[in-house]
């Protein structure tokens, strides 16, 4: 049985304001840096076998303190990258609210995609493939996987049998941890969206 700690990157200034997507050079803010350090201290209590993260700066910066405390090298995986939002990348949520395609995407994520971007089914497929690969490599291990909110939602939806169109019914907060056990008799979601307030 592999225990997977699914971690959303820590706080950045643009959360709730701009659809960052895969924009590079976006770093954690001061609160996010503190969240990453506290998260590392909490998770370092577990005997981790691997740390895998999205290639974006905000994910790598979240992984760095955990790597420093555990001595584990961070493996970067493109399969854990943020959704490719194509033409919508960098737009504010105010701007997006006037675009009919954005409303369609949020109402039916299984059958809509950003222009020039990828579908959520494609996101789910690559994220689950990466998690399953890691689980096979460490069949009795503890793995930290650092990615992005909707990527984590899509992966959890797969393992829990939740339709992609219902993803907005559960929250994945910045610097949160969701714990998934992958076992031969099927996956088990042990906890969802644990924040620093709930995991002292």
N, C-alpha and C. Protein backbone atom coordinates (compact mmCIF):
# COMPACT_ATOMS: atom_id res chain seq x y z
N UNK A 1 0.84 -1.19 0.00
CA UNK A 1 0.00 0.00 0.00
C UNK A 1 0.88 1.25 0.00
N UNK A 2 0.62 2.14 -0.93
CA UNK A 2 1.35 3.40 -1.02
C UNK A 2 0.49 4.53 -0.47
N UNK A 3 1.07 5.34 0.39
CA UNK A 3 0.37 6.52 0.90
C UNK A 3 0.87 7.74 0.13
N UNK A 4 -0.07 8.43 -0.50
CA UNK A 4 0.25 9.59 -1.33
C UNK A 4 -0.29 10.84 -0.65
N UNK A 5 0.61 11.78 -0.36
CA UNK A 5 0.23 13.07 0.19
C UNK A 5 0.08 14.04 -0.97
N UNK A 6 -1.15 14.36 -1.32
CA UNK A 6 -1.42 15.26 -2.43
C UNK A 6 -1.45 16.69 -1.89
N UNK A 7 -0.51 17.50 -2.33
CA UNK A 7 -0.29 18.83 -1.76
C UNK A 7 -0.47 19.90 -2.83
N UNK A 8 -1.34 20.85 -2.55
CA UNK A 8 -1.42 22.00 -3.44
C UNK A 8 -0.32 22.99 -3.07
N UNK A 9 0.27 23.63 -4.07
CA UNK A 9 1.30 24.63 -3.80
C UNK A 9 0.78 25.69 -2.83
N UNK A 10 1.68 26.33 -2.15
CA UNK A 10 1.32 27.35 -1.15
C UNK A 10 0.88 28.66 -1.82
N UNK A 11 0.57 29.63 -1.01
CA UNK A 11 -0.12 30.85 -1.45
C UNK A 11 0.74 31.72 -2.37
N UNK A 12 0.05 32.32 -3.34
CA UNK A 12 0.64 33.33 -4.23
C UNK A 12 -0.30 34.52 -4.29
N UNK A 13 0.21 35.66 -4.70
CA UNK A 13 -0.60 36.88 -4.69
C UNK A 13 -1.77 36.85 -5.66
N UNK A 14 -1.69 36.05 -6.72
CA UNK A 14 -2.70 36.10 -7.78
C UNK A 14 -3.86 35.14 -7.58
N UNK A 15 -3.84 34.33 -6.52
CA UNK A 15 -4.95 33.40 -6.28
C UNK A 15 -6.25 34.19 -6.11
N UNK A 16 -7.26 33.77 -6.86
CA UNK A 16 -8.56 34.42 -6.79
C UNK A 16 -8.67 35.68 -7.63
N UNK A 17 -7.56 36.07 -8.28
CA UNK A 17 -7.56 37.30 -9.08
C UNK A 17 -7.32 37.01 -10.56
N UNK A 18 -6.35 36.15 -10.83
CA UNK A 18 -5.91 35.90 -12.20
C UNK A 18 -5.78 34.41 -12.45
N UNK A 19 -6.14 33.98 -13.66
CA UNK A 19 -5.96 32.59 -14.06
C UNK A 19 -4.50 32.44 -14.51
N UNK A 20 -3.66 32.04 -13.59
CA UNK A 20 -2.21 31.99 -13.88
C UNK A 20 -1.87 30.89 -14.87
N UNK A 21 -2.54 29.75 -14.76
CA UNK A 21 -2.22 28.64 -15.65
C UNK A 21 -0.76 28.27 -15.54
N UNK A 22 -0.11 28.14 -16.68
CA UNK A 22 1.30 27.73 -16.70
C UNK A 22 2.26 28.91 -16.81
N UNK A 23 1.82 30.10 -16.49
CA UNK A 23 2.70 31.27 -16.52
C UNK A 23 3.89 31.03 -15.59
N UNK A 24 5.07 31.25 -16.11
CA UNK A 24 6.28 31.06 -15.32
C UNK A 24 6.60 32.27 -14.47
N UNK A 25 7.52 32.09 -13.53
CA UNK A 25 8.03 33.20 -12.74
C UNK A 25 7.10 33.69 -11.65
N UNK A 26 6.07 32.92 -11.32
CA UNK A 26 5.17 33.31 -10.24
C UNK A 26 5.62 32.60 -8.97
N UNK A 27 6.10 33.37 -8.02
CA UNK A 27 6.66 32.81 -6.79
C UNK A 27 5.67 32.89 -5.64
N UNK A 28 5.95 32.13 -4.60
CA UNK A 28 5.16 32.21 -3.39
C UNK A 28 5.28 33.59 -2.78
N UNK A 29 4.20 34.06 -2.18
CA UNK A 29 4.29 35.31 -1.42
C UNK A 29 4.80 35.00 -0.01
N UNK A 30 4.86 36.02 0.84
CA UNK A 30 5.42 35.82 2.19
C UNK A 30 4.61 34.78 2.96
N UNK A 31 3.29 34.84 2.85
CA UNK A 31 2.45 33.86 3.54
C UNK A 31 2.70 32.46 2.98
N UNK A 32 2.83 32.36 1.66
CA UNK A 32 3.07 31.07 1.04
C UNK A 32 4.40 30.46 1.46
N UNK A 33 5.42 31.29 1.59
CA UNK A 33 6.72 30.81 2.05
C UNK A 33 6.62 30.23 3.45
N UNK A 34 5.89 30.92 4.32
CA UNK A 34 5.68 30.41 5.68
C UNK A 34 4.88 29.11 5.66
N UNK A 35 3.86 29.06 4.81
CA UNK A 35 3.05 27.84 4.70
C UNK A 35 3.92 26.66 4.27
N UNK A 36 4.80 26.88 3.30
CA UNK A 36 5.65 25.81 2.79
C UNK A 36 6.60 25.30 3.88
N UNK A 37 7.12 26.21 4.68
CA UNK A 37 8.03 25.82 5.76
C UNK A 37 7.30 25.04 6.84
N UNK A 38 6.11 25.50 7.20
CA UNK A 38 5.33 24.79 8.21
C UNK A 38 4.88 23.43 7.70
N UNK A 39 4.49 23.39 6.45
CA UNK A 39 4.09 22.13 5.82
C UNK A 39 5.23 21.13 5.85
N UNK A 40 6.42 21.60 5.54
CA UNK A 40 7.60 20.72 5.54
C UNK A 40 7.84 20.15 6.93
N UNK A 41 7.72 20.96 7.95
CA UNK A 41 7.93 20.46 9.32
C UNK A 41 6.91 19.39 9.69
N UNK A 42 5.66 19.60 9.28
CA UNK A 42 4.63 18.61 9.60
C UNK A 42 4.86 17.31 8.85
N UNK A 43 5.14 17.41 7.57
CA UNK A 43 5.27 16.21 6.75
C UNK A 43 6.58 15.46 6.99
N UNK A 44 7.59 16.17 7.47
CA UNK A 44 8.88 15.51 7.71
C UNK A 44 8.79 14.49 8.84
N UNK A 45 7.69 14.48 9.58
CA UNK A 45 7.49 13.47 10.62
C UNK A 45 7.21 12.10 10.01
N UNK A 46 6.78 12.09 8.76
CA UNK A 46 6.50 10.83 8.08
C UNK A 46 7.75 10.36 7.34
N UNK A 47 7.98 9.04 7.27
CA UNK A 47 9.15 8.53 6.53
C UNK A 47 8.90 8.58 5.02
N UNK A 48 9.11 9.74 4.43
CA UNK A 48 8.87 9.91 3.00
C UNK A 48 9.91 9.19 2.17
N UNK A 49 9.46 8.65 1.05
CA UNK A 49 10.37 7.96 0.13
C UNK A 49 10.67 8.78 -1.12
N UNK A 50 9.78 9.70 -1.45
CA UNK A 50 9.98 10.49 -2.67
C UNK A 50 9.15 11.77 -2.59
N UNK A 51 9.64 12.80 -3.29
CA UNK A 51 8.93 14.06 -3.47
C UNK A 51 8.86 14.33 -4.96
N UNK A 52 7.66 14.48 -5.48
CA UNK A 52 7.47 14.73 -6.91
C UNK A 52 6.61 15.97 -7.05
N UNK A 53 6.98 16.86 -7.98
CA UNK A 53 6.20 18.10 -8.09
C UNK A 53 6.07 18.59 -9.52
N UNK A 54 5.11 19.47 -9.69
CA UNK A 54 4.91 20.19 -10.95
C UNK A 54 6.15 21.02 -11.27
N UNK A 55 6.40 21.29 -12.54
CA UNK A 55 7.58 22.10 -12.90
C UNK A 55 7.44 23.60 -12.64
N UNK A 56 6.25 24.08 -12.29
CA UNK A 56 6.08 25.52 -12.10
C UNK A 56 6.75 26.00 -10.82
N UNK A 57 7.21 27.24 -10.85
CA UNK A 57 7.98 27.80 -9.74
C UNK A 57 7.27 27.67 -8.41
N UNK A 58 5.97 27.96 -8.38
CA UNK A 58 5.25 27.96 -7.11
C UNK A 58 5.17 26.56 -6.49
N UNK A 59 5.16 25.53 -7.33
CA UNK A 59 5.17 24.16 -6.82
C UNK A 59 6.57 23.77 -6.34
N UNK A 60 7.58 24.11 -7.13
CA UNK A 60 8.96 23.79 -6.74
C UNK A 60 9.36 24.50 -5.45
N UNK A 61 8.90 25.75 -5.30
CA UNK A 61 9.22 26.49 -4.08
C UNK A 61 8.50 25.88 -2.87
N UNK A 62 7.33 25.31 -3.08
CA UNK A 62 6.63 24.63 -2.00
C UNK A 62 7.36 23.35 -1.61
N UNK A 63 7.94 22.68 -2.59
CA UNK A 63 8.65 21.42 -2.34
C UNK A 63 10.01 21.63 -1.67
N UNK A 64 10.63 22.78 -1.88
CA UNK A 64 12.01 22.98 -1.46
C UNK A 64 12.25 22.79 0.05
N UNK A 65 11.45 23.37 0.93
CA UNK A 65 11.70 23.16 2.36
C UNK A 65 11.55 21.71 2.79
N UNK A 66 10.61 20.99 2.17
CA UNK A 66 10.43 19.57 2.49
C UNK A 66 11.64 18.77 2.04
N UNK A 67 12.18 19.12 0.89
CA UNK A 67 13.39 18.48 0.40
C UNK A 67 14.56 18.72 1.35
N UNK A 68 14.66 19.95 1.83
CA UNK A 68 15.77 20.30 2.73
C UNK A 68 15.69 19.53 4.04
N UNK A 69 14.49 19.34 4.57
CA UNK A 69 14.34 18.66 5.85
C UNK A 69 14.49 17.14 5.73
N UNK A 70 14.08 16.59 4.62
CA UNK A 70 14.11 15.13 4.46
C UNK A 70 15.37 14.62 3.76
N UNK A 71 16.07 15.51 3.05
CA UNK A 71 17.23 15.09 2.29
C UNK A 71 16.88 14.42 0.98
N UNK A 72 15.59 14.43 0.61
CA UNK A 72 15.16 13.82 -0.64
C UNK A 72 15.25 14.82 -1.79
N UNK A 73 15.74 14.37 -2.92
CA UNK A 73 15.77 15.22 -4.11
C UNK A 73 14.37 15.33 -4.68
N UNK A 74 14.00 16.50 -5.14
CA UNK A 74 12.68 16.71 -5.74
C UNK A 74 12.72 16.27 -7.20
N UNK A 75 11.80 15.37 -7.56
CA UNK A 75 11.65 14.96 -8.95
C UNK A 75 10.57 15.83 -9.57
N UNK A 76 10.87 16.47 -10.68
CA UNK A 76 9.90 17.33 -11.37
C UNK A 76 9.23 16.52 -12.48
N UNK A 77 7.91 16.58 -12.52
CA UNK A 77 7.15 15.83 -13.52
C UNK A 77 6.18 16.73 -14.27
N UNK A 78 6.27 16.74 -15.58
CA UNK A 78 5.34 17.51 -16.41
C UNK A 78 3.91 17.00 -16.27
N UNK A 79 3.75 15.75 -15.86
CA UNK A 79 2.40 15.19 -15.70
C UNK A 79 1.64 15.84 -14.55
N UNK A 80 2.35 16.53 -13.67
CA UNK A 80 1.72 17.20 -12.53
C UNK A 80 1.55 18.70 -12.77
N UNK A 81 1.83 19.14 -13.97
CA UNK A 81 1.75 20.57 -14.30
C UNK A 81 0.31 21.07 -14.20
N UNK A 82 0.17 22.38 -14.08
CA UNK A 82 -1.14 23.01 -14.07
C UNK A 82 -1.85 22.74 -15.39
N UNK A 83 -3.17 22.92 -15.39
CA UNK A 83 -3.93 22.81 -16.64
C UNK A 83 -3.39 23.82 -17.65
N UNK A 84 -3.29 23.39 -18.91
CA UNK A 84 -2.94 24.32 -19.98
C UNK A 84 -4.22 25.07 -20.36
N UNK A 85 -4.28 26.34 -20.00
CA UNK A 85 -5.48 27.13 -20.24
C UNK A 85 -5.45 27.92 -21.55
N UNK A 86 -4.42 27.72 -22.35
CA UNK A 86 -4.39 28.33 -23.67
C UNK A 86 -4.61 29.83 -23.66
N UNK A 87 -5.59 30.28 -24.45
CA UNK A 87 -5.86 31.71 -24.63
C UNK A 87 -6.34 32.40 -23.36
N UNK A 88 -6.79 31.62 -22.39
CA UNK A 88 -7.29 32.23 -21.15
C UNK A 88 -6.18 32.53 -20.15
N UNK A 89 -4.99 32.02 -20.40
CA UNK A 89 -3.88 32.19 -19.46
C UNK A 89 -3.58 33.68 -19.24
N UNK A 90 -3.51 34.06 -17.97
CA UNK A 90 -3.17 35.43 -17.62
C UNK A 90 -4.34 36.39 -17.54
N UNK A 91 -5.53 35.93 -17.89
CA UNK A 91 -6.70 36.80 -17.80
C UNK A 91 -7.19 36.86 -16.35
N UNK A 92 -7.74 38.03 -15.99
CA UNK A 92 -8.32 38.15 -14.65
C UNK A 92 -9.66 37.41 -14.65
N UNK A 93 -10.13 37.06 -13.45
CA UNK A 93 -11.42 36.38 -13.36
C UNK A 93 -12.55 37.33 -13.74
N UNK A 94 -12.35 38.62 -13.59
CA UNK A 94 -13.34 39.59 -14.06
C UNK A 94 -13.44 39.53 -15.59
N UNK A 95 -12.29 39.45 -16.25
CA UNK A 95 -12.29 39.34 -17.71
C UNK A 95 -12.92 38.01 -18.16
N UNK A 96 -12.59 36.94 -17.46
CA UNK A 96 -13.10 35.63 -17.83
C UNK A 96 -14.61 35.53 -17.65
N UNK A 97 -15.15 36.26 -16.68
CA UNK A 97 -16.58 36.16 -16.40
C UNK A 97 -17.44 36.59 -17.59
N UNK A 98 -16.88 37.38 -18.50
CA UNK A 98 -17.62 37.82 -19.67
C UNK A 98 -17.46 36.93 -20.88
N UNK A 99 -16.71 35.86 -20.73
CA UNK A 99 -16.45 34.94 -21.85
C UNK A 99 -17.38 33.73 -21.73
N UNK A 100 -18.28 33.52 -22.70
CA UNK A 100 -19.21 32.39 -22.61
C UNK A 100 -18.51 31.04 -22.44
N UNK A 101 -17.39 30.85 -23.10
CA UNK A 101 -16.68 29.58 -23.00
C UNK A 101 -16.20 29.27 -21.59
N UNK A 102 -15.87 30.32 -20.83
CA UNK A 102 -15.44 30.14 -19.44
C UNK A 102 -16.60 29.62 -18.60
N UNK A 103 -17.78 30.17 -18.81
CA UNK A 103 -18.96 29.70 -18.08
C UNK A 103 -19.27 28.25 -18.45
N UNK A 104 -19.16 27.94 -19.74
CA UNK A 104 -19.41 26.57 -20.19
C UNK A 104 -18.42 25.60 -19.56
N UNK A 105 -17.15 26.01 -19.50
CA UNK A 105 -16.11 25.16 -18.91
C UNK A 105 -16.42 24.84 -17.46
N UNK A 106 -16.86 25.82 -16.72
CA UNK A 106 -17.13 25.61 -15.29
C UNK A 106 -18.44 24.86 -15.04
N UNK A 107 -19.37 24.92 -15.97
CA UNK A 107 -20.61 24.18 -15.82
C UNK A 107 -20.47 22.72 -16.27
N UNK A 108 -19.61 22.50 -17.24
CA UNK A 108 -19.44 21.13 -17.77
C UNK A 108 -17.98 20.92 -18.16
N UNK A 109 -17.18 20.61 -17.16
CA UNK A 109 -15.73 20.50 -17.39
C UNK A 109 -15.35 19.25 -18.18
N UNK A 110 -16.22 18.27 -18.21
CA UNK A 110 -15.89 17.03 -18.92
C UNK A 110 -15.96 17.19 -20.44
N UNK A 111 -16.65 18.22 -20.91
CA UNK A 111 -16.83 18.33 -22.37
C UNK A 111 -16.40 19.68 -22.93
N UNK A 112 -15.74 20.51 -22.14
CA UNK A 112 -15.27 21.81 -22.62
C UNK A 112 -13.80 22.00 -22.27
N UNK A 113 -13.15 22.83 -23.05
CA UNK A 113 -11.74 23.14 -22.79
C UNK A 113 -11.49 24.60 -23.15
N UNK A 114 -10.40 25.13 -22.62
CA UNK A 114 -9.99 26.48 -23.00
C UNK A 114 -9.52 26.46 -24.45
N UNK A 115 -9.77 27.55 -25.19
CA UNK A 115 -9.25 27.61 -26.56
C UNK A 115 -7.72 27.53 -26.57
N UNK A 116 -7.21 26.55 -27.27
CA UNK A 116 -5.76 26.34 -27.31
C UNK A 116 -5.23 25.61 -26.10
N UNK A 117 -6.12 25.14 -25.22
CA UNK A 117 -5.70 24.45 -24.00
C UNK A 117 -6.04 22.97 -24.02
N UNK A 118 -6.04 22.37 -22.84
CA UNK A 118 -6.33 20.94 -22.74
C UNK A 118 -7.62 20.71 -21.96
N UNK A 119 -8.20 19.53 -22.15
CA UNK A 119 -9.42 19.18 -21.44
C UNK A 119 -9.07 18.63 -20.06
N UNK A 120 -10.05 18.66 -19.18
CA UNK A 120 -9.83 18.14 -17.83
C UNK A 120 -9.65 16.62 -17.85
N UNK A 121 -10.22 15.97 -18.82
CA UNK A 121 -10.01 14.53 -18.95
C UNK A 121 -8.54 14.24 -19.25
N UNK A 122 -7.94 15.07 -20.09
CA UNK A 122 -6.51 14.92 -20.38
C UNK A 122 -5.67 15.19 -19.14
N UNK A 123 -6.06 16.21 -18.38
CA UNK A 123 -5.36 16.53 -17.13
C UNK A 123 -5.44 15.34 -16.18
N UNK A 124 -6.63 14.82 -16.02
CA UNK A 124 -6.84 13.68 -15.12
C UNK A 124 -6.00 12.48 -15.55
N UNK A 125 -5.98 12.22 -16.83
CA UNK A 125 -5.24 11.06 -17.34
C UNK A 125 -3.75 11.15 -17.04
N UNK A 126 -3.14 12.32 -17.25
CA UNK A 126 -1.70 12.44 -17.01
C UNK A 126 -1.37 12.44 -15.52
N UNK A 127 -2.21 13.08 -14.71
CA UNK A 127 -1.95 13.12 -13.27
C UNK A 127 -2.06 11.73 -12.65
N UNK A 128 -3.10 11.01 -13.01
CA UNK A 128 -3.30 9.66 -12.47
C UNK A 128 -2.19 8.73 -12.94
N UNK A 129 -1.77 8.88 -14.19
CA UNK A 129 -0.67 8.05 -14.70
C UNK A 129 0.59 8.26 -13.87
N UNK A 130 0.88 9.51 -13.50
CA UNK A 130 2.07 9.81 -12.70
C UNK A 130 1.94 9.23 -11.30
N UNK A 131 0.79 9.40 -10.68
CA UNK A 131 0.59 8.88 -9.33
C UNK A 131 0.69 7.36 -9.32
N UNK A 132 0.07 6.71 -10.30
CA UNK A 132 0.14 5.24 -10.37
C UNK A 132 1.57 4.76 -10.60
N UNK A 133 2.31 5.49 -11.40
CA UNK A 133 3.71 5.15 -11.65
C UNK A 133 4.54 5.23 -10.37
N UNK A 134 4.33 6.29 -9.60
CA UNK A 134 5.06 6.45 -8.33
C UNK A 134 4.66 5.36 -7.34
N UNK A 135 3.36 5.07 -7.29
CA UNK A 135 2.86 4.04 -6.37
C UNK A 135 3.47 2.68 -6.71
N UNK A 136 3.64 2.40 -7.99
CA UNK A 136 4.24 1.13 -8.39
C UNK A 136 5.72 1.09 -8.04
N UNK A 137 6.37 2.24 -8.07
CA UNK A 137 7.80 2.30 -7.74
C UNK A 137 8.04 2.14 -6.24
N UNK A 138 7.08 2.64 -5.44
CA UNK A 138 7.20 2.56 -3.98
C UNK A 138 5.93 1.91 -3.42
N UNK A 139 5.78 0.60 -3.59
CA UNK A 139 4.52 -0.07 -3.23
C UNK A 139 4.19 -0.03 -1.75
N UNK A 140 5.16 0.22 -0.90
CA UNK A 140 4.89 0.33 0.54
C UNK A 140 5.40 1.66 1.09
N UNK A 141 5.47 2.66 0.22
CA UNK A 141 6.11 3.92 0.59
C UNK A 141 5.15 5.04 0.89
N UNK A 142 5.74 6.18 1.24
CA UNK A 142 5.03 7.44 1.48
C UNK A 142 5.56 8.47 0.49
N UNK A 143 4.67 9.03 -0.30
CA UNK A 143 5.08 9.90 -1.39
C UNK A 143 4.42 11.27 -1.26
N UNK A 144 5.20 12.33 -1.39
CA UNK A 144 4.66 13.69 -1.43
C UNK A 144 4.54 14.12 -2.89
N UNK A 145 3.33 14.50 -3.29
CA UNK A 145 3.06 14.93 -4.66
C UNK A 145 2.55 16.36 -4.59
N UNK A 146 3.29 17.29 -5.18
CA UNK A 146 2.96 18.72 -5.09
C UNK A 146 2.50 19.22 -6.46
N UNK A 147 1.26 19.69 -6.51
CA UNK A 147 0.69 20.09 -7.78
C UNK A 147 -0.24 21.28 -7.59
N UNK A 148 -1.33 21.31 -8.33
CA UNK A 148 -2.23 22.46 -8.41
C UNK A 148 -3.66 22.03 -8.09
N UNK A 149 -4.48 23.00 -7.70
CA UNK A 149 -5.81 22.70 -7.19
C UNK A 149 -6.65 21.80 -8.07
N UNK A 150 -6.87 22.20 -9.32
CA UNK A 150 -7.74 21.40 -10.19
C UNK A 150 -7.09 20.10 -10.63
N UNK A 151 -5.78 20.07 -10.69
CA UNK A 151 -5.09 18.82 -11.03
C UNK A 151 -5.31 17.79 -9.92
N UNK A 152 -5.18 18.24 -8.68
CA UNK A 152 -5.42 17.36 -7.53
C UNK A 152 -6.88 16.95 -7.48
N UNK A 153 -7.79 17.90 -7.71
CA UNK A 153 -9.21 17.56 -7.74
C UNK A 153 -9.50 16.47 -8.78
N UNK A 154 -8.93 16.65 -9.97
CA UNK A 154 -9.17 15.68 -11.04
C UNK A 154 -8.66 14.29 -10.66
N UNK A 155 -7.48 14.22 -10.03
CA UNK A 155 -6.94 12.93 -9.61
C UNK A 155 -7.81 12.29 -8.54
N UNK A 156 -8.22 13.07 -7.55
CA UNK A 156 -9.08 12.54 -6.50
C UNK A 156 -10.40 12.05 -7.09
N UNK A 157 -10.93 12.80 -8.03
CA UNK A 157 -12.18 12.40 -8.67
C UNK A 157 -12.05 11.03 -9.34
N UNK A 158 -10.92 10.80 -9.98
CA UNK A 158 -10.70 9.49 -10.62
C UNK A 158 -10.72 8.37 -9.58
N UNK A 159 -9.94 8.53 -8.53
CA UNK A 159 -9.83 7.46 -7.54
C UNK A 159 -11.12 7.25 -6.76
N UNK A 160 -11.92 8.30 -6.62
CA UNK A 160 -13.17 8.20 -5.86
C UNK A 160 -14.38 7.94 -6.74
N UNK A 161 -14.19 7.91 -8.05
CA UNK A 161 -15.31 7.68 -8.96
C UNK A 161 -16.28 8.84 -9.03
N UNK A 162 -15.75 10.07 -8.87
CA UNK A 162 -16.58 11.28 -8.90
C UNK A 162 -16.55 11.87 -10.32
N UNK A 163 -17.70 12.20 -10.90
CA UNK A 163 -17.69 12.81 -12.24
C UNK A 163 -16.92 14.14 -12.24
N UNK A 164 -16.23 14.40 -13.32
CA UNK A 164 -15.44 15.63 -13.42
C UNK A 164 -16.30 16.88 -13.30
N UNK A 165 -17.55 16.79 -13.67
CA UNK A 165 -18.41 17.97 -13.61
C UNK A 165 -18.79 18.36 -12.18
N UNK A 166 -18.43 17.53 -11.21
CA UNK A 166 -18.76 17.83 -9.81
C UNK A 166 -17.53 18.28 -9.01
N UNK A 167 -16.44 18.61 -9.69
CA UNK A 167 -15.20 18.96 -9.00
C UNK A 167 -15.32 20.18 -8.10
N UNK A 168 -16.18 21.10 -8.47
CA UNK A 168 -16.28 22.32 -7.67
C UNK A 168 -17.02 22.10 -6.36
N UNK A 169 -17.43 20.88 -6.08
CA UNK A 169 -18.14 20.58 -4.84
C UNK A 169 -17.19 20.31 -3.67
N UNK A 170 -15.90 20.22 -3.94
CA UNK A 170 -14.96 20.10 -2.83
C UNK A 170 -13.76 21.02 -3.06
N UNK A 171 -13.20 21.48 -1.96
CA UNK A 171 -12.14 22.49 -2.00
C UNK A 171 -10.76 21.85 -1.87
N UNK A 172 -9.80 22.41 -2.58
CA UNK A 172 -8.37 22.08 -2.41
C UNK A 172 -7.66 23.43 -2.19
N UNK A 173 -7.37 23.75 -0.95
CA UNK A 173 -6.83 25.05 -0.59
C UNK A 173 -5.31 25.12 -0.80
N UNK A 174 -4.75 26.31 -0.92
CA UNK A 174 -3.30 26.44 -0.99
C UNK A 174 -2.63 25.81 0.23
N UNK A 175 -1.57 25.08 -0.01
CA UNK A 175 -0.77 24.41 1.04
C UNK A 175 -1.56 23.33 1.77
N UNK A 176 -2.66 22.87 1.19
CA UNK A 176 -3.44 21.81 1.83
C UNK A 176 -2.86 20.44 1.48
N UNK A 177 -3.20 19.46 2.32
CA UNK A 177 -2.78 18.07 2.12
C UNK A 177 -4.02 17.20 2.07
N UNK A 178 -4.10 16.36 1.05
CA UNK A 178 -5.12 15.31 0.98
C UNK A 178 -4.38 13.99 0.92
N UNK A 179 -4.82 13.03 1.70
CA UNK A 179 -4.07 11.77 1.83
C UNK A 179 -4.84 10.64 1.17
N UNK A 180 -4.16 10.00 0.23
CA UNK A 180 -4.74 8.90 -0.56
C UNK A 180 -3.90 7.66 -0.37
N UNK A 181 -4.55 6.55 -0.09
CA UNK A 181 -3.85 5.27 -0.02
C UNK A 181 -4.21 4.44 -1.25
N UNK A 182 -3.19 3.99 -1.96
CA UNK A 182 -3.39 3.17 -3.14
C UNK A 182 -3.03 1.74 -2.77
N UNK A 183 -4.01 0.86 -2.85
CA UNK A 183 -3.84 -0.51 -2.40
C UNK A 183 -4.49 -1.47 -3.40
N UNK A 184 -4.16 -2.74 -3.29
CA UNK A 184 -4.63 -3.71 -4.26
C UNK A 184 -6.15 -3.85 -4.26
N UNK A 185 -6.80 -3.63 -3.14
CA UNK A 185 -8.26 -3.75 -3.09
C UNK A 185 -8.97 -2.44 -3.46
N UNK A 186 -8.22 -1.48 -3.91
CA UNK A 186 -8.81 -0.23 -4.35
C UNK A 186 -8.31 0.96 -3.57
N UNK A 187 -8.45 2.17 -4.12
CA UNK A 187 -7.95 3.37 -3.45
C UNK A 187 -8.82 3.75 -2.26
N UNK A 188 -8.20 4.44 -1.31
CA UNK A 188 -8.90 4.91 -0.12
C UNK A 188 -8.48 6.35 0.15
N UNK A 189 -9.43 7.27 0.13
CA UNK A 189 -9.15 8.66 0.47
C UNK A 189 -9.28 8.80 1.99
N UNK A 190 -8.15 9.01 2.65
CA UNK A 190 -8.12 9.07 4.11
C UNK A 190 -8.51 10.45 4.61
N UNK A 191 -8.08 11.48 3.91
CA UNK A 191 -8.41 12.85 4.33
C UNK A 191 -8.40 13.76 3.11
N UNK A 192 -9.15 14.86 3.23
CA UNK A 192 -9.29 15.79 2.13
C UNK A 192 -9.06 17.21 2.61
N UNK A 193 -8.17 17.92 1.91
CA UNK A 193 -7.98 19.36 2.12
C UNK A 193 -7.64 19.73 3.56
N UNK A 194 -6.67 19.02 4.15
CA UNK A 194 -6.19 19.38 5.49
C UNK A 194 -5.32 20.63 5.35
N UNK A 195 -5.68 21.67 6.09
CA UNK A 195 -4.89 22.90 6.09
C UNK A 195 -4.08 22.98 7.37
N UNK A 196 -3.22 23.97 7.46
CA UNK A 196 -2.37 24.09 8.65
C UNK A 196 -3.18 24.31 9.91
N UNK A 197 -4.39 24.83 9.77
CA UNK A 197 -5.25 25.01 10.93
C UNK A 197 -5.74 23.66 11.49
N UNK A 198 -5.81 22.65 10.59
CA UNK A 198 -6.34 21.35 10.99
C UNK A 198 -5.26 20.30 11.23
N UNK A 199 -4.02 20.59 10.80
CA UNK A 199 -2.92 19.65 10.95
C UNK A 199 -1.79 20.35 11.69
N UNK A 200 -1.85 20.39 13.03
CA UNK A 200 -0.85 21.15 13.81
C UNK A 200 0.52 20.51 13.75
